[in-house]
Amino acid sequence: MRRRFAVAALAAFVTAGCASLGAGGFKEPIVHFNDAKIKGLGLTGGAMDIVLSVYNPNGFNLNATRLTYRVMVEDKELGTGELDRAFRVKDKDSTFVTIPLDFTYSGLGAAGRQLLSSGSINYRVIGDFTVDTPLGNFTRPYDQRGRFSSFGGTSQTR
């Protein structure tokens, strides 16, 4: 009888623990723009590396296996892409993730004009990430907005 009770209690504990790792217990990572570096320029556009800061508010490590992204500046799409290189964000910690971005001069021009006229630009990073957990892989979206200032860095508005 004790053995059955112990097995039932263990099963209930494991089920409760698994449920907390599911959608109800999972907090969305906070992603925001940190820096951009031009890698090359061509006739119609160029390539840059965008550095994102990813904060993990969860009490467990995030082992991301894939990240998709769409970078918007002042409601204009600057570029999209996908990062298939795995990265880890420790629990209650943050890490920098560098994503490659091809851009056109028209998209970059709008951002440049806004930055020159006001000293800052609104940005939005939209996408999803795939995380490897003990329960398998699952994909979650993220959508972060902020303001980049040439004088004071970034601020996040969500």
Protein backbone atom coordinates (compact mmCIF):
# COMPACT_ATOMS: atom_id res chain seq x y z
CA MET A 1 0.00 0.00 0.00
CA ARG A 2 2.81 2.39 0.92
CA ARG A 3 4.57 1.60 -2.32
CA ARG A 4 1.46 2.44 -4.40
CA PHE A 5 1.01 5.67 -2.46
CA ALA A 6 4.66 6.61 -3.04
CA VAL A 7 4.38 5.86 -6.77
CA ALA A 8 1.14 7.89 -7.01
CA ALA A 9 2.70 10.80 -5.10
CA LEU A 10 5.77 10.72 -7.34
CA ALA A 11 3.57 10.64 -10.45
CA ALA A 12 1.58 13.63 -9.18
CA PHE A 13 4.78 15.54 -8.40
CA VAL A 14 6.25 14.85 -11.86
CA THR A 15 2.99 15.82 -13.56
CA ALA A 16 2.83 19.08 -11.61
CA GLY A 17 6.47 19.82 -12.46
CA CYS A 18 5.87 19.14 -16.13
CA ALA A 19 2.83 21.40 -16.14
CA SER A 20 4.88 24.25 -14.70
CA LEU A 21 7.30 23.97 -17.61
CA GLY A 22 4.38 24.24 -20.03
CA ALA A 23 2.77 27.41 -21.28
CA GLY A 24 1.45 28.41 -17.84
CA GLY A 25 4.85 28.41 -16.11
CA PHE A 26 6.90 29.73 -19.01
CA LYS A 27 7.74 33.44 -19.10
CA GLU A 28 8.52 35.05 -22.44
CA PRO A 29 12.17 36.13 -22.80
CA ILE A 30 12.76 39.85 -23.09
CA VAL A 31 14.52 40.73 -26.32
CA HIS A 32 15.80 44.18 -27.18
CA PHE A 33 18.11 45.89 -29.60
CA ASN A 34 21.63 46.53 -28.33
CA ASP A 35 23.83 47.46 -31.31
CA ALA A 36 24.21 47.31 -35.09
CA LYS A 37 27.41 46.96 -37.10
CA ILE A 38 27.64 47.39 -40.87
CA LYS A 39 29.44 44.43 -42.45
CA GLY A 40 29.28 45.43 -46.09
CA LEU A 41 27.64 47.72 -48.63
CA GLY A 42 26.56 47.05 -52.21
CA LEU A 43 24.65 48.78 -54.99
CA THR A 44 21.16 48.16 -53.60
CA GLY A 45 21.83 47.63 -49.92
CA GLY A 46 24.13 45.89 -47.54
CA ALA A 47 24.61 43.53 -44.65
CA MET A 48 24.86 44.20 -40.96
CA ASP A 49 25.05 42.34 -37.70
CA ILE A 50 22.33 43.23 -35.21
CA VAL A 51 23.18 42.52 -31.57
CA LEU A 52 20.17 41.63 -29.43
CA SER A 53 20.13 41.28 -25.68
CA VAL A 54 18.02 38.30 -24.60
CA TYR A 55 16.95 38.11 -20.94
CA ASN A 56 15.55 34.87 -19.49
CA PRO A 57 13.10 35.61 -16.65
CA ASN A 58 12.52 31.89 -16.01
CA GLY A 59 14.00 29.78 -13.22
CA PHE A 60 15.58 27.38 -15.72
CA ASN A 61 18.06 27.67 -18.59
CA LEU A 62 16.79 28.33 -22.09
CA ASN A 63 18.58 26.24 -24.68
CA ALA A 64 17.46 27.90 -27.89
CA THR A 65 17.97 25.92 -31.08
CA ARG A 66 16.44 28.40 -33.54
CA LEU A 67 15.50 32.09 -33.66
CA THR A 68 13.51 33.88 -36.35
CA TYR A 69 13.30 37.64 -36.50
CA ARG A 70 11.78 40.58 -38.29
CA VAL A 71 13.35 43.96 -37.52
CA MET A 72 11.14 47.03 -37.95
CA VAL A 73 12.27 50.64 -37.70
CA GLU A 74 9.62 53.37 -37.50
CA ASP A 75 6.99 50.90 -38.86
CA LYS A 76 9.13 50.02 -41.89
CA GLU A 77 10.66 46.60 -42.28
CA LEU A 78 14.43 46.76 -42.16
CA GLY A 79 14.95 43.04 -42.68
CA THR A 80 14.11 39.48 -41.68
CA GLY A 81 16.05 36.32 -41.06
CA GLU A 82 16.61 33.13 -39.17
CA LEU A 83 19.39 32.03 -36.85
CA ASP A 84 19.87 28.26 -36.74
CA ARG A 85 22.86 28.39 -34.39
CA ALA A 86 22.06 27.21 -30.88
CA PHE A 87 22.58 29.51 -27.89
CA ARG A 88 21.89 29.31 -24.17
CA VAL A 89 20.49 31.88 -21.79
CA LYS A 90 20.96 30.94 -18.15
CA ASP A 91 18.08 31.31 -15.72
CA LYS A 92 17.47 34.89 -14.56
CA ASP A 93 20.35 36.04 -16.80
CA SER A 94 20.87 37.60 -20.20
CA THR A 95 23.14 37.06 -23.16
CA PHE A 96 23.93 38.85 -26.40
CA VAL A 97 22.85 37.18 -29.64
CA THR A 98 24.21 38.46 -32.95
CA ILE A 99 21.90 38.07 -35.94
CA PRO A 100 22.83 38.74 -39.57
CA LEU A 101 20.54 41.14 -41.44
CA ASP A 102 20.52 42.05 -45.13
CA PHE A 103 18.97 45.45 -45.77
CA THR A 104 18.00 47.77 -48.61
CA TYR A 105 18.94 51.42 -48.71
CA SER A 106 15.26 52.42 -48.70
CA GLY A 107 14.68 50.68 -45.35
CA LEU A 108 17.88 52.02 -43.87
CA GLY A 109 17.24 55.52 -45.28
CA ALA A 110 14.00 55.94 -43.32
CA ALA A 111 15.77 54.96 -40.11
CA GLY A 112 18.70 57.27 -40.86
CA ARG A 113 16.46 60.26 -41.57
CA GLN A 114 14.55 59.72 -38.32
CA LEU A 115 17.77 59.34 -36.33
CA LEU A 116 19.23 62.53 -37.83
CA SER A 117 16.08 64.59 -37.28
CA SER A 118 15.22 63.50 -33.75
CA GLY A 119 18.30 61.69 -32.44
CA SER A 120 16.31 58.50 -31.83
CA ILE A 121 14.23 55.86 -33.61
CA ASN A 122 11.49 53.47 -32.58
CA TYR A 123 12.22 49.82 -33.28
CA ARG A 124 10.39 46.52 -33.05
CA VAL A 125 11.81 43.00 -33.10
CA ILE A 126 9.26 40.26 -33.84
CA GLY A 127 9.80 36.55 -34.22
CA ASP A 128 9.83 33.24 -32.48
CA PHE A 129 12.38 30.98 -30.88
CA THR A 130 12.56 27.26 -30.43
CA VAL A 131 13.71 26.00 -27.03
CA ASP A 132 14.94 22.53 -26.13
CA THR A 133 13.60 21.37 -22.76
CA PRO A 134 13.53 18.04 -20.93
CA LEU A 135 9.98 17.67 -22.31
CA GLY A 136 11.04 18.24 -25.93
CA ASN A 137 11.26 21.24 -28.23
CA PHE A 138 8.66 23.96 -28.25
CA THR A 139 8.37 27.28 -30.10
CA ARG A 140 7.28 30.55 -28.52
CA PRO A 141 6.78 34.00 -30.09
CA TYR A 142 8.31 37.26 -28.92
CA ASP A 143 7.45 40.85 -29.81
CA GLN A 144 9.48 43.66 -28.29
CA ARG A 145 9.38 47.39 -28.96
CA GLY A 146 11.81 50.03 -27.88
CA ARG A 147 13.47 53.29 -28.71
CA PHE A 148 17.11 53.63 -29.69
CA SER A 149 18.74 56.98 -28.98
CA SER A 150 22.08 57.99 -30.41
CA PHE A 151 22.64 59.83 -27.14
CA GLY A 152 21.49 57.36 -24.52
CA GLY A 153 21.28 53.84 -25.90
CA THR A 154 18.02 51.89 -25.84
CA SER A 155 14.87 51.83 -23.81
CA GLN A 156 12.23 49.14 -23.97
CA THR A 157 8.52 49.83 -24.28
CA ARG A 158 7.28 46.25 -24.84
